[in-house]
Structures are given as structure tokens and as C-alpha cells.
N, C-alpha and C. Protein backbone atom coordinates (compact mmCIF):
# COMPACT_ATOMS: atom_id res chain seq x y z
N MET A 1 5.42 -1.93 16.64
CA MET A 1 4.78 -2.40 15.41
C MET A 1 5.29 -3.81 15.10
N THR A 2 4.37 -4.69 14.71
CA THR A 2 4.73 -6.05 14.36
C THR A 2 5.78 -6.02 13.25
N ASP A 3 6.58 -7.07 13.19
CA ASP A 3 7.62 -7.16 12.17
C ASP A 3 7.00 -7.07 10.77
N LEU A 4 7.38 -6.03 10.06
CA LEU A 4 6.79 -5.80 8.73
C LEU A 4 7.32 -6.75 7.67
N TRP A 5 8.36 -7.47 7.97
CA TRP A 5 8.90 -8.42 7.01
C TRP A 5 8.51 -9.85 7.38
N SER A 6 7.48 -9.99 8.22
CA SER A 6 6.92 -11.31 8.52
C SER A 6 5.61 -11.43 7.73
N THR A 7 5.04 -12.61 7.73
CA THR A 7 3.79 -12.81 6.98
C THR A 7 2.56 -12.67 7.87
N GLY A 8 2.74 -12.21 9.10
CA GLY A 8 1.61 -12.09 10.02
C GLY A 8 0.74 -10.87 9.77
N ALA A 9 -0.52 -11.00 10.19
CA ALA A 9 -1.47 -9.89 10.12
C ALA A 9 -1.19 -8.92 11.27
N PRO A 10 -1.68 -7.70 11.24
CA PRO A 10 -2.54 -7.13 10.21
C PRO A 10 -1.74 -6.73 8.98
N TYR A 11 -2.39 -6.78 7.84
CA TYR A 11 -1.71 -6.48 6.58
C TYR A 11 -1.82 -5.01 6.20
N VAL A 12 -2.81 -4.32 6.77
CA VAL A 12 -2.97 -2.88 6.55
C VAL A 12 -2.95 -2.24 7.93
N ARG A 13 -2.05 -1.26 8.09
CA ARG A 13 -1.93 -0.57 9.38
C ARG A 13 -2.08 0.92 9.15
N ARG A 14 -2.71 1.59 10.11
CA ARG A 14 -2.82 3.05 10.08
C ARG A 14 -1.97 3.59 11.22
N VAL A 15 -1.09 4.54 10.89
CA VAL A 15 -0.23 5.15 11.89
C VAL A 15 -0.21 6.66 11.68
N SER A 16 0.16 7.36 12.73
CA SER A 16 0.31 8.81 12.66
C SER A 16 1.73 9.14 12.22
N SER A 17 1.88 10.21 11.47
CA SER A 17 3.22 10.58 10.98
C SER A 17 4.18 10.89 12.11
N ASP A 18 3.68 11.36 13.25
CA ASP A 18 4.60 11.69 14.34
C ASP A 18 5.08 10.45 15.09
N SER A 19 4.46 9.30 14.86
CA SER A 19 4.92 8.07 15.52
C SER A 19 5.54 7.07 14.54
N PHE A 20 5.54 7.42 13.26
CA PHE A 20 6.03 6.49 12.24
C PHE A 20 7.54 6.59 12.07
N ILE A 21 8.19 5.46 12.15
CA ILE A 21 9.62 5.36 11.88
C ILE A 21 9.77 4.43 10.69
N GLU A 22 10.37 4.95 9.62
CA GLU A 22 10.48 4.15 8.40
C GLU A 22 11.36 2.93 8.66
N PRO A 23 10.84 1.75 8.31
CA PRO A 23 11.62 0.52 8.55
C PRO A 23 12.76 0.37 7.54
N SER A 24 13.75 -0.41 7.92
CA SER A 24 14.82 -0.71 6.98
C SER A 24 14.32 -1.80 6.03
N VAL A 25 14.91 -1.84 4.86
CA VAL A 25 14.48 -2.79 3.84
C VAL A 25 15.35 -4.04 3.92
N GLU A 26 14.70 -5.18 3.94
CA GLU A 26 15.40 -6.46 3.96
C GLU A 26 15.88 -6.79 2.54
N ASN A 27 16.85 -7.71 2.46
CA ASN A 27 17.37 -8.14 1.16
C ASN A 27 16.26 -8.70 0.27
N ASN A 28 16.30 -8.35 -0.97
CA ASN A 28 15.35 -8.83 -1.98
C ASN A 28 13.91 -8.47 -1.70
N CYS A 29 13.68 -7.48 -0.84
CA CYS A 29 12.32 -7.01 -0.56
C CYS A 29 12.12 -5.66 -1.24
N LEU A 30 10.89 -5.34 -1.48
CA LEU A 30 10.55 -4.11 -2.19
C LEU A 30 9.73 -3.21 -1.29
N MET A 31 10.20 -1.97 -1.12
CA MET A 31 9.43 -0.98 -0.38
C MET A 31 9.06 0.12 -1.37
N ILE A 32 7.76 0.40 -1.45
CA ILE A 32 7.25 1.42 -2.36
C ILE A 32 6.56 2.49 -1.54
N ARG A 33 6.85 3.73 -1.86
CA ARG A 33 6.24 4.85 -1.14
C ARG A 33 5.29 5.56 -2.10
N LEU A 34 4.04 5.75 -1.68
CA LEU A 34 3.03 6.43 -2.48
C LEU A 34 2.54 7.66 -1.72
N ASP A 35 2.01 8.63 -2.46
CA ASP A 35 1.49 9.85 -1.87
C ASP A 35 -0.03 9.86 -2.01
N GLY A 36 -0.72 9.79 -0.88
CA GLY A 36 -2.18 9.77 -0.89
C GLY A 36 -2.80 10.98 -1.56
N ARG A 37 -2.10 12.11 -1.54
CA ARG A 37 -2.64 13.31 -2.18
C ARG A 37 -2.79 13.12 -3.67
N ALA A 38 -2.04 12.19 -4.25
CA ALA A 38 -2.11 11.91 -5.68
C ALA A 38 -3.05 10.75 -5.98
N MET A 39 -3.78 10.27 -4.97
CA MET A 39 -4.68 9.12 -5.15
C MET A 39 -6.06 9.42 -4.58
N ARG A 40 -6.58 10.59 -4.88
CA ARG A 40 -7.88 11.02 -4.34
C ARG A 40 -9.06 10.36 -5.05
N THR A 41 -8.84 9.84 -6.25
CA THR A 41 -9.89 9.15 -7.00
C THR A 41 -9.46 7.72 -7.27
N LEU A 42 -10.41 6.88 -7.62
CA LEU A 42 -10.10 5.49 -7.91
C LEU A 42 -9.17 5.38 -9.11
N GLU A 43 -9.44 6.16 -10.14
CA GLU A 43 -8.56 6.13 -11.32
C GLU A 43 -7.13 6.51 -10.94
N ALA A 44 -6.97 7.55 -10.13
CA ALA A 44 -5.63 7.98 -9.72
C ALA A 44 -4.94 6.92 -8.86
N LEU A 45 -5.70 6.27 -8.00
CA LEU A 45 -5.14 5.19 -7.18
C LEU A 45 -4.66 4.04 -8.07
N PHE A 46 -5.52 3.62 -9.00
CA PHE A 46 -5.12 2.56 -9.92
C PHE A 46 -3.87 2.97 -10.71
N ARG A 47 -3.81 4.21 -11.18
CA ARG A 47 -2.64 4.66 -11.94
C ARG A 47 -1.36 4.55 -11.11
N ALA A 48 -1.44 4.92 -9.84
CA ALA A 48 -0.27 4.83 -8.96
C ALA A 48 0.19 3.38 -8.81
N TYR A 49 -0.74 2.49 -8.60
CA TYR A 49 -0.38 1.07 -8.45
C TYR A 49 0.10 0.47 -9.76
N VAL A 50 -0.54 0.81 -10.87
CA VAL A 50 -0.09 0.32 -12.18
C VAL A 50 1.36 0.73 -12.42
N ARG A 51 1.67 1.98 -12.14
CA ARG A 51 3.02 2.51 -12.37
C ARG A 51 4.04 1.87 -11.42
N GLU A 52 3.77 1.91 -10.13
CA GLU A 52 4.76 1.47 -9.15
C GLU A 52 4.93 -0.04 -9.06
N PHE A 53 3.83 -0.77 -9.26
CA PHE A 53 3.91 -2.23 -9.17
C PHE A 53 4.02 -2.88 -10.54
N ARG A 54 4.07 -2.06 -11.58
CA ARG A 54 4.24 -2.53 -12.96
C ARG A 54 3.19 -3.56 -13.35
N PHE A 55 1.92 -3.21 -13.12
CA PHE A 55 0.84 -4.08 -13.54
C PHE A 55 0.92 -4.26 -15.06
N PRO A 56 0.45 -5.38 -15.57
CA PRO A 56 0.50 -5.62 -17.02
C PRO A 56 -0.42 -4.67 -17.79
N GLU A 57 -0.14 -4.54 -19.07
CA GLU A 57 -0.92 -3.63 -19.92
C GLU A 57 -2.40 -4.00 -19.98
N TYR A 58 -2.72 -5.25 -19.77
CA TYR A 58 -4.12 -5.67 -19.84
C TYR A 58 -4.91 -5.36 -18.57
N PHE A 59 -4.32 -4.65 -17.62
CA PHE A 59 -5.02 -4.31 -16.38
C PHE A 59 -6.39 -3.72 -16.71
N GLY A 60 -7.43 -4.20 -16.03
CA GLY A 60 -8.82 -3.85 -16.38
C GLY A 60 -9.43 -2.66 -15.67
N TRP A 61 -8.70 -1.96 -14.81
CA TRP A 61 -9.18 -0.74 -14.16
C TRP A 61 -10.45 -0.98 -13.34
N ASN A 62 -10.48 -2.12 -12.60
CA ASN A 62 -11.58 -2.41 -11.69
C ASN A 62 -11.02 -3.23 -10.53
N TRP A 63 -11.83 -3.47 -9.50
CA TRP A 63 -11.33 -4.15 -8.31
C TRP A 63 -10.92 -5.59 -8.58
N ALA A 64 -11.62 -6.28 -9.46
CA ALA A 64 -11.24 -7.66 -9.78
C ALA A 64 -9.86 -7.70 -10.44
N ALA A 65 -9.62 -6.77 -11.34
CA ALA A 65 -8.31 -6.70 -12.00
C ALA A 65 -7.22 -6.31 -11.00
N PHE A 66 -7.54 -5.36 -10.11
CA PHE A 66 -6.58 -4.95 -9.09
C PHE A 66 -6.20 -6.15 -8.23
N ASP A 67 -7.22 -6.90 -7.79
CA ASP A 67 -6.97 -8.07 -6.95
C ASP A 67 -6.08 -9.08 -7.67
N GLU A 68 -6.37 -9.34 -8.93
CA GLU A 68 -5.56 -10.29 -9.70
C GLU A 68 -4.11 -9.82 -9.80
N CYS A 69 -3.92 -8.56 -10.13
CA CYS A 69 -2.56 -8.05 -10.35
C CYS A 69 -1.77 -7.91 -9.05
N ILE A 70 -2.41 -7.47 -7.98
CA ILE A 70 -1.70 -7.23 -6.72
C ILE A 70 -1.34 -8.56 -6.04
N THR A 71 -2.00 -9.64 -6.43
CA THR A 71 -1.68 -10.94 -5.84
C THR A 71 -0.78 -11.80 -6.74
N THR A 72 -0.33 -11.24 -7.86
CA THR A 72 0.63 -11.97 -8.70
C THR A 72 1.93 -11.21 -8.87
N LEU A 73 1.86 -9.92 -9.15
CA LEU A 73 3.03 -9.02 -9.24
C LEU A 73 4.17 -9.60 -10.07
N GLU A 74 3.83 -10.12 -11.22
CA GLU A 74 4.85 -10.69 -12.10
C GLU A 74 5.88 -9.66 -12.55
N GLY A 75 5.48 -8.40 -12.61
CA GLY A 75 6.41 -7.34 -13.04
C GLY A 75 7.33 -6.84 -11.94
N ARG A 76 7.09 -7.21 -10.69
CA ARG A 76 7.91 -6.76 -9.55
C ARG A 76 8.16 -7.90 -8.57
N PRO A 77 8.81 -8.99 -9.00
CA PRO A 77 9.04 -10.08 -8.06
C PRO A 77 9.94 -9.65 -6.90
N ALA A 78 9.60 -10.10 -5.69
CA ALA A 78 10.39 -9.77 -4.51
C ALA A 78 10.11 -10.80 -3.43
N HIS A 79 10.94 -10.80 -2.41
CA HIS A 79 10.75 -11.73 -1.29
C HIS A 79 9.83 -11.14 -0.23
N GLY A 80 9.45 -9.88 -0.40
CA GLY A 80 8.54 -9.21 0.52
C GLY A 80 8.16 -7.86 -0.04
N TYR A 81 6.97 -7.38 0.32
CA TYR A 81 6.46 -6.10 -0.18
C TYR A 81 5.99 -5.24 1.00
N LEU A 82 6.39 -3.99 0.97
CA LEU A 82 5.92 -3.02 1.94
C LEU A 82 5.57 -1.76 1.19
N THR A 83 4.32 -1.35 1.28
CA THR A 83 3.87 -0.11 0.66
C THR A 83 3.59 0.89 1.78
N ILE A 84 4.19 2.05 1.66
CA ILE A 84 3.95 3.13 2.62
C ILE A 84 3.18 4.21 1.88
N ILE A 85 2.01 4.54 2.38
CA ILE A 85 1.19 5.58 1.75
C ILE A 85 1.15 6.79 2.67
N ASP A 86 1.89 7.83 2.28
CA ASP A 86 1.87 9.09 3.04
C ASP A 86 0.57 9.84 2.74
N HIS A 87 0.18 10.72 3.65
CA HIS A 87 -1.06 11.49 3.50
C HIS A 87 -2.24 10.56 3.25
N ALA A 88 -2.33 9.53 4.07
CA ALA A 88 -3.34 8.48 3.89
C ALA A 88 -4.77 9.00 3.98
N ASP A 89 -4.98 10.09 4.70
CA ASP A 89 -6.34 10.62 4.80
C ASP A 89 -6.85 11.17 3.47
N ASP A 90 -5.95 11.40 2.52
CA ASP A 90 -6.34 11.89 1.20
C ASP A 90 -6.67 10.76 0.22
N VAL A 91 -6.30 9.53 0.56
CA VAL A 91 -6.54 8.40 -0.34
C VAL A 91 -8.04 8.24 -0.56
N LEU A 92 -8.45 8.28 -1.80
CA LEU A 92 -9.84 8.13 -2.23
C LEU A 92 -10.78 9.13 -1.55
N ALA A 93 -10.26 10.28 -1.15
CA ALA A 93 -11.08 11.30 -0.48
C ALA A 93 -12.21 11.81 -1.36
N ASP A 94 -12.05 11.75 -2.67
CA ASP A 94 -13.10 12.20 -3.57
C ASP A 94 -14.08 11.08 -3.93
N GLU A 95 -13.77 9.86 -3.52
CA GLU A 95 -14.63 8.70 -3.77
C GLU A 95 -14.59 7.79 -2.54
N LEU A 96 -15.09 8.28 -1.44
CA LEU A 96 -14.98 7.57 -0.16
C LEU A 96 -15.57 6.16 -0.17
N LYS A 97 -16.57 5.92 -1.01
CA LYS A 97 -17.18 4.59 -1.05
C LYS A 97 -16.18 3.53 -1.54
N GLU A 98 -15.09 3.96 -2.17
CA GLU A 98 -14.09 3.02 -2.68
C GLU A 98 -13.02 2.67 -1.65
N LEU A 99 -13.01 3.38 -0.52
CA LEU A 99 -11.96 3.15 0.49
C LEU A 99 -12.06 1.75 1.11
N GLU A 100 -13.26 1.33 1.45
CA GLU A 100 -13.42 0.00 2.05
C GLU A 100 -12.99 -1.12 1.09
N PRO A 101 -13.43 -1.10 -0.18
CA PRO A 101 -12.95 -2.13 -1.11
C PRO A 101 -11.43 -2.10 -1.29
N PHE A 102 -10.82 -0.91 -1.24
CA PHE A 102 -9.36 -0.79 -1.35
C PHE A 102 -8.68 -1.50 -0.19
N GLU A 103 -9.12 -1.19 1.02
CA GLU A 103 -8.50 -1.82 2.20
C GLU A 103 -8.77 -3.32 2.22
N GLU A 104 -9.95 -3.74 1.78
CA GLU A 104 -10.24 -5.18 1.69
C GLU A 104 -9.33 -5.86 0.68
N ALA A 105 -9.08 -5.21 -0.46
CA ALA A 105 -8.20 -5.77 -1.47
C ALA A 105 -6.77 -5.92 -0.94
N LEU A 106 -6.30 -4.92 -0.20
CA LEU A 106 -4.95 -4.99 0.37
C LEU A 106 -4.85 -6.09 1.43
N THR A 107 -5.88 -6.23 2.25
CA THR A 107 -5.89 -7.29 3.26
C THR A 107 -5.91 -8.66 2.59
N HIS A 108 -6.73 -8.79 1.55
CA HIS A 108 -6.78 -10.05 0.81
C HIS A 108 -5.42 -10.35 0.18
N ALA A 109 -4.78 -9.34 -0.37
CA ALA A 109 -3.45 -9.54 -0.96
C ALA A 109 -2.45 -10.00 0.10
N GLY A 110 -2.47 -9.36 1.26
CA GLY A 110 -1.56 -9.75 2.33
C GLY A 110 -1.76 -11.20 2.75
N ARG A 111 -3.02 -11.59 2.88
CA ARG A 111 -3.34 -12.96 3.26
C ARG A 111 -2.92 -13.95 2.17
N THR A 112 -3.18 -13.58 0.90
CA THR A 112 -2.83 -14.45 -0.22
C THR A 112 -1.33 -14.66 -0.29
N TRP A 113 -0.56 -13.58 -0.23
CA TRP A 113 0.90 -13.69 -0.27
C TRP A 113 1.44 -14.46 0.93
N ALA A 114 0.85 -14.26 2.11
CA ALA A 114 1.31 -14.93 3.33
C ALA A 114 1.15 -16.45 3.25
N HIS A 115 0.17 -16.91 2.48
CA HIS A 115 -0.09 -18.34 2.37
C HIS A 115 0.33 -18.93 1.03
N ALA A 116 1.12 -18.16 0.28
CA ALA A 116 1.58 -18.64 -1.03
C ALA A 116 2.61 -19.76 -0.83
N PHE A 117 2.69 -20.63 -1.80
CA PHE A 117 3.71 -21.69 -1.75
C PHE A 117 4.12 -22.05 -3.17
N ALA A 118 5.25 -22.72 -3.28
CA ALA A 118 5.79 -23.17 -4.56
C ALA A 118 5.94 -22.02 -5.56
N LEU A 119 6.39 -20.87 -5.07
CA LEU A 119 6.62 -19.73 -5.94
C LEU A 119 8.02 -19.81 -6.54
N PRO A 120 8.25 -19.13 -7.66
CA PRO A 120 9.60 -19.10 -8.23
C PRO A 120 10.60 -18.47 -7.26
N ASP A 121 11.89 -18.72 -7.50
CA ASP A 121 12.94 -18.18 -6.63
C ASP A 121 12.89 -16.66 -6.52
N ASP A 122 12.42 -15.98 -7.58
CA ASP A 122 12.31 -14.51 -7.54
C ASP A 122 11.44 -14.05 -6.38
N PHE A 123 10.53 -14.91 -5.95
CA PHE A 123 9.62 -14.58 -4.85
C PHE A 123 10.04 -15.26 -3.55
N GLY A 124 11.20 -15.90 -3.54
CA GLY A 124 11.68 -16.53 -2.32
C GLY A 124 11.07 -17.89 -2.04
N GLY A 125 10.34 -18.47 -2.97
CA GLY A 125 9.79 -19.81 -2.81
C GLY A 125 8.40 -19.86 -2.22
N GLY A 126 8.02 -18.89 -1.43
CA GLY A 126 6.67 -18.90 -0.85
C GLY A 126 6.59 -18.09 0.42
N GLU A 127 5.36 -17.94 0.94
CA GLU A 127 5.09 -17.18 2.15
C GLU A 127 5.78 -15.81 2.11
N VAL A 128 5.22 -14.94 1.30
CA VAL A 128 5.81 -13.62 1.04
C VAL A 128 5.10 -12.56 1.89
N PRO A 129 5.85 -11.78 2.69
CA PRO A 129 5.23 -10.68 3.43
C PRO A 129 4.70 -9.61 2.48
N PHE A 130 3.48 -9.12 2.74
CA PHE A 130 2.88 -8.06 1.95
C PHE A 130 2.09 -7.17 2.91
N HIS A 131 2.62 -5.98 3.18
CA HIS A 131 1.99 -5.07 4.14
C HIS A 131 1.87 -3.68 3.55
N THR A 132 0.87 -2.96 4.04
CA THR A 132 0.66 -1.56 3.66
C THR A 132 0.53 -0.74 4.93
N ILE A 133 1.27 0.35 4.98
CA ILE A 133 1.17 1.28 6.11
C ILE A 133 0.56 2.57 5.59
N MET A 134 -0.56 2.94 6.18
CA MET A 134 -1.26 4.17 5.83
C MET A 134 -0.84 5.23 6.85
N VAL A 135 -0.02 6.18 6.43
CA VAL A 135 0.52 7.19 7.34
C VAL A 135 -0.33 8.45 7.26
N ARG A 136 -0.99 8.74 8.38
CA ARG A 136 -1.82 9.95 8.48
C ARG A 136 -0.96 11.08 9.04
N GLU A 137 -1.29 12.29 8.65
CA GLU A 137 -0.59 13.45 9.22
C GLU A 137 -0.91 13.54 10.70
N SER A 138 0.05 13.98 11.47
CA SER A 138 -0.19 14.16 12.90
C SER A 138 -1.18 15.31 13.10
N LYS A 139 -1.87 15.30 14.22
CA LYS A 139 -2.83 16.37 14.52
C LYS A 139 -2.13 17.73 14.58
N ALA A 140 -0.92 17.77 15.12
CA ALA A 140 -0.18 19.03 15.21
C ALA A 140 0.09 19.60 13.82
N MET A 141 0.46 18.74 12.88
CA MET A 141 0.75 19.18 11.52
C MET A 141 -0.54 19.67 10.85
N THR A 142 -1.65 18.96 11.06
CA THR A 142 -2.93 19.36 10.47
C THR A 142 -3.36 20.72 11.02
N CYS A 143 -3.23 20.91 12.34
CA CYS A 143 -3.59 22.20 12.97
C CYS A 143 -2.70 23.31 12.45
N ARG A 144 -1.41 23.05 12.31
CA ARG A 144 -0.48 24.06 11.82
C ARG A 144 -0.86 24.49 10.40
N ARG A 145 -1.22 23.53 9.56
CA ARG A 145 -1.59 23.85 8.19
C ARG A 145 -2.88 24.66 8.15
N SER A 146 -3.86 24.31 9.02
CA SER A 146 -5.11 25.06 9.10
C SER A 146 -4.87 26.49 9.54
N CYS A 147 -3.98 26.68 10.51
CA CYS A 147 -3.65 28.02 10.98
C CYS A 147 -2.98 28.83 9.88
N ASP A 148 -2.09 28.18 9.12
CA ASP A 148 -1.41 28.89 8.02
C ASP A 148 -2.42 29.33 6.97
N LYS A 149 -3.41 28.50 6.67
CA LYS A 149 -4.43 28.87 5.69
C LYS A 149 -5.28 30.04 6.20
N ALA A 150 -5.60 30.00 7.48
CA ALA A 150 -6.42 31.06 8.07
C ALA A 150 -5.72 32.41 8.03
N ARG A 151 -4.38 32.37 8.20
CA ARG A 151 -3.60 33.62 8.16
C ARG A 151 -3.49 34.16 6.74
N GLY A 152 -3.60 33.24 5.80
CA GLY A 152 -3.68 33.62 4.47
C GLY A 152 -2.63 33.89 3.58
């Protein structure tokens, strides 16, 4: 996997849980772990990001507001951002049409942070890594859970 604390693309990666090794956190960087099972709707996804990234109270609960807040992060300054979303297959599962705009917003955020400059010292001055890892359950784990449900 490409260095997650660099500013290079891709900014959104999908990996299987059986191949994922949690990276170590660099100094002054922020790693946030989210649970996709708790983000099945757009409202729930926004709530998770508002809480964990400390979006301002004026957050507008739409993609334009998400884009504005995720590319400024005044409430969580850091020299790098890594978001790990476990159970990624559950993210927006009840509103699948919102999945593409979500991934586009994260890619745009990664690109924006990677090309930032003249930022305050809290952000390391500029060129801030911003990556998201979408961790899917391994096929073995999914099959095991299906078998357990069938047994009842």
C-alpha cells in the first residue's frame, strides 16, 4: 500500500479486512476509525463525520457543506489525516445513490489537502496527507456469518 502519510493519490482505497494492517500514526497526524454499520444512511454518515471531525455547528447537512467542512477541518487541525472505515460495504447501504458523491467528496478532499499551501502551523504549513481506507469484511468472515445465521 502506498505511504498513507504522503500526499499522493489514490485518496480513497478499498481493502479486505484479511489483508489490512493498521498503519502506525505519525507525529501530529490524526487517525479516525469509523464503523460503516453506523453509516447506512446519509444522515448517519454526516453525523459520524460531524462528531469525529468536529464540523462547525453551522454544518448544512448536504454535500456542499460536507465538502466545505472536510477541506478546512478547523476543529481538528493536524499534519495529516487518515480515516479508516470498517465494514465499508455497509456505508450508505440504505441510500446507495449517495455512495458515489461520498467517494467523490473524499477524493476531492484528498486532492485539496495535498495541494494546500500557506496553512497555519497547526496544519504543518501545507501539503497535508488526507486518505480514507474503506475496509471490507473478508469473504471468509462474510460466509461464516451467513452460515451462523442459517443455523439460527
